[in-house]
């Protein structure tokens, strides 16, 4: 598999990329709930929510937040586990946690998933929550309450501004990158 293309993007670029992607998401999936994986999925989820707001009702899509850790050492984990084993660090898991997902069209959002481990783990855990709740329903109601999940993932590796220590340097690199590409990517997403 070849190395993914890297794209340096400013905050404005990200906003425009999300806007360009929103129509596709709305037409192909029509989510009625977002699950944002923290911390990188929070900003894209919030911006996407603006573009998918129903203009006739002003209704916005609710955002459920979860936190996962693959690369950070956590209490009770070893150095060997860091980078190889996923750990749930935040999730509102109470007796009714799966109920909020029942019958929904859930779009899982993260900024980067280089290994696909984060999204795979998040989807697996969310599906477990839903299946647990479905088991408490009469069998005749389960199919209508089944949750549909979607994940939209790009093959392009975006260098996000919120990961930069020096934002001016990041924006300079983004400008250089745009000039090299003749801004083809951002205008054709």
Foldseek 3Di string as FASTA:
>chain_A
DDQFAEAQDAPVLLLLLLLVCLVVCCVPQNFQAEEAEPDARPVSVVSSQVNSQDPVVSDTRYYAYWYKAQADDDPPDDPVRRNPPMDTDDDPDDPCRLVVQWQGEYEYGGQDDPPCPVVVVVVVVSQVSVVVVLVVDPPVCNVNRDGHYDYDDDSYHYDYLVVDPDNVVSVVVNVVSCVVVVVPVSVPD
